[in-house]
Amino acid sequence: MPDIYGPILPLQLDPRNTSALVRDTQTKIFLESDGSLNDFSPASPLSAIVEGQAYAQNELLYYLNSLPDEEGNYEKVANPAAKRTEAE
């Protein structure tokens, strides 16, 4: 069997962007409250809370998705001196 080489794609925990997170959260809130929480207009406090939560979740996912997968790569990122030592 021949060896197959190709790029290893990075692990992505959640591919959704902020607008998709807002939409999904609003749907979840509406369904879980049996329709009693249904005002998602731009001036609604509920909408502001949902958008803030989605923004924070998106920022966290961005940093979690950019973490190195291997322990050796993490050491190179966390310790720049180790990177210089290998290059010398």
C-alpha atoms as a PDB file:
ATOM      1  CA  MET A   1       0.000   0.000   0.000  1.00  0.00           C
ATOM      2  CA  PRO A   2       1.516   3.344  -0.967  1.00  0.00           C
ATOM      3  CA  ASP A   3       2.120   6.030   1.603  1.00  0.00           C
ATOM      4  CA  ILE A   4      -0.293   8.923   1.333  1.00  0.00           C
ATOM      5  CA  TYR A   5       0.997  12.331   2.311  1.00  0.00           C
ATOM      6  CA  GLY A   6      -1.065  15.443   2.646  1.00  0.00           C
ATOM      7  CA  PRO A   7      -1.666  18.364   4.916  1.00  0.00           C
ATOM      8  CA  ILE A   8      -3.171  17.613   8.287  1.00  0.00           C
ATOM      9  CA  LEU A   9      -6.055  19.978   8.798  1.00  0.00           C
ATOM     10  CA  PRO A  10      -6.248  21.671  12.185  1.00  0.00           C
ATOM     11  CA  LEU A  11      -8.926  20.565  14.619  1.00  0.00           C
ATOM     12  CA  GLN A  12     -11.900  22.912  14.666  1.00  0.00           C
ATOM     13  CA  LEU A  13     -14.180  22.668  17.685  1.00  0.00           C
ATOM     14  CA  ASP A  14     -17.093  24.660  16.287  1.00  0.00           C
ATOM     15  CA  PRO A  15     -17.204  26.105  12.752  1.00  0.00           C
ATOM     16  CA  ARG A  16     -20.075  28.567  13.403  1.00  0.00           C
ATOM     17  CA  ASN A  17     -19.542  32.329  13.260  1.00  0.00           C
ATOM     18  CA  THR A  18     -21.126  34.952  15.521  1.00  0.00           C
ATOM     19  CA  SER A  19     -24.310  35.387  13.499  1.00  0.00           C
ATOM     20  CA  ALA A  20     -24.911  31.625  13.404  1.00  0.00           C
ATOM     21  CA  LEU A  21     -24.337  31.424  17.159  1.00  0.00           C
ATOM     22  CA  VAL A  22     -26.844  34.258  17.723  1.00  0.00           C
ATOM     23  CA  ARG A  23     -29.440  32.589  15.502  1.00  0.00           C
ATOM     24  CA  ASP A  24     -29.010  29.197  17.172  1.00  0.00           C
ATOM     25  CA  THR A  25     -29.125  30.699  20.677  1.00  0.00           C
ATOM     26  CA  GLN A  26     -32.277  32.674  19.895  1.00  0.00           C
ATOM     27  CA  THR A  27     -33.947  29.533  18.575  1.00  0.00           C
ATOM     28  CA  LYS A  28     -32.902  27.585  21.677  1.00  0.00           C
ATOM     29  CA  ILE A  29     -34.199  30.317  24.014  1.00  0.00           C
ATOM     30  CA  PHE A  30     -37.513  30.497  22.167  1.00  0.00           C
ATOM     31  CA  LEU A  31     -38.010  26.731  22.251  1.00  0.00           C
ATOM     32  CA  GLU A  32     -36.916  26.239  25.872  1.00  0.00           C
ATOM     33  CA  SER A  33     -39.182  29.051  27.114  1.00  0.00           C
ATOM     34  CA  ASP A  34     -42.171  27.611  25.217  1.00  0.00           C
ATOM     35  CA  GLY A  35     -42.439  30.841  23.244  1.00  0.00           C
ATOM     36  CA  SER A  36     -42.670  33.186  26.216  1.00  0.00           C
ATOM     37  CA  LEU A  37     -39.301  34.790  25.390  1.00  0.00           C
ATOM     38  CA  ASN A  38     -39.861  35.901  21.822  1.00  0.00           C
ATOM     39  CA  ASP A  39     -38.749  39.545  21.529  1.00  0.00           C
ATOM     40  CA  PHE A  40     -35.441  39.429  19.660  1.00  0.00           C
ATOM     41  CA  SER A  41     -35.692  42.910  18.123  1.00  0.00           C
ATOM     42  CA  PRO A  42     -32.450  44.940  18.009  1.00  0.00           C
ATOM     43  CA  ALA A  43     -33.586  47.146  20.942  1.00  0.00           C
ATOM     44  CA  SER A  44     -34.482  44.202  23.182  1.00  0.00           C
ATOM     45  CA  PRO A  45     -32.337  43.535  26.287  1.00  0.00           C
ATOM     46  CA  LEU A  46     -32.661  39.826  25.542  1.00  0.00           C
ATOM     47  CA  SER A  47     -31.155  40.368  22.117  1.00  0.00           C
ATOM     48  CA  ALA A  48     -28.247  42.320  23.621  1.00  0.00           C
ATOM     49  CA  ILE A  49     -27.546  39.519  26.092  1.00  0.00           C
ATOM     50  CA  VAL A  50     -27.674  36.876  23.349  1.00  0.00           C
ATOM     51  CA  GLU A  51     -25.380  38.870  21.051  1.00  0.00           C
ATOM     52  CA  GLY A  52     -22.904  39.485  23.874  1.00  0.00           C
ATOM     53  CA  GLN A  53     -22.863  35.820  24.805  1.00  0.00           C
ATOM     54  CA  ALA A  54     -22.397  34.781  21.168  1.00  0.00           C
ATOM     55  CA  TYR A  55     -19.538  37.262  20.748  1.00  0.00           C
ATOM     56  CA  ALA A  56     -17.784  35.953  23.861  1.00  0.00           C
ATOM     57  CA  GLN A  57     -18.307  32.357  22.729  1.00  0.00           C
ATOM     58  CA  ASN A  58     -16.940  33.159  19.283  1.00  0.00           C
ATOM     59  CA  GLU A  59     -13.828  34.791  20.772  1.00  0.00           C
ATOM     60  CA  LEU A  60     -13.225  31.791  23.036  1.00  0.00           C
ATOM     61  CA  LEU A  61     -13.675  29.384  20.122  1.00  0.00           C
ATOM     62  CA  TYR A  62     -11.226  31.397  18.023  1.00  0.00           C
ATOM     63  CA  TYR A  63      -8.501  30.997  20.632  1.00  0.00           C
ATOM     64  CA  LEU A  64      -9.335  27.355  21.363  1.00  0.00           C
ATOM     65  CA  ASN A  65      -9.286  26.502  17.653  1.00  0.00           C
ATOM     66  CA  SER A  66      -5.869  28.136  17.288  1.00  0.00           C
ATOM     67  CA  LEU A  67      -4.253  26.130  20.107  1.00  0.00           C
ATOM     68  CA  PRO A  68      -1.503  23.773  18.963  1.00  0.00           C
ATOM     69  CA  ASP A  69      -2.496  20.126  18.690  1.00  0.00           C
ATOM     70  CA  GLU A  70       0.760  18.538  19.785  1.00  0.00           C
ATOM     71  CA  GLU A  71       2.640  18.959  23.028  1.00  0.00           C
ATOM     72  CA  GLY A  72       5.886  19.734  21.209  1.00  0.00           C
ATOM     73  CA  ASN A  73       4.285  22.540  19.229  1.00  0.00           C
ATOM     74  CA  TYR A  74       2.811  23.965  22.413  1.00  0.00           C
ATOM     75  CA  GLU A  75       6.256  24.174  23.988  1.00  0.00           C
ATOM     76  CA  LYS A  76       7.537  26.077  20.958  1.00  0.00           C
ATOM     77  CA  VAL A  77       4.675  28.558  21.139  1.00  0.00           C
ATOM     78  CA  ALA A  78       4.767  28.982  24.917  1.00  0.00           C
ATOM     79  CA  ASN A  79       8.562  29.205  25.159  1.00  0.00           C
ATOM     80  CA  PRO A  80      10.194  31.286  22.399  1.00  0.00           C
ATOM     81  CA  ALA A  81      13.641  30.428  23.820  1.00  0.00           C
ATOM     82  CA  ALA A  82      13.078  26.769  22.909  1.00  0.00           C
ATOM     83  CA  LYS A  83      12.471  27.789  19.302  1.00  0.00           C
ATOM     84  CA  ARG A  84      15.755  29.738  19.202  1.00  0.00           C
ATOM     85  CA  THR A  85      17.666  26.826  20.758  1.00  0.00           C
ATOM     86  CA  GLU A  86      16.488  24.424  18.043  1.00  0.00           C
ATOM     87  CA  ALA A  87      17.454  26.854  15.294  1.00  0.00           C
ATOM     88  CA  GLU A  88      21.004  27.252  16.582  1.00  0.00           C
END
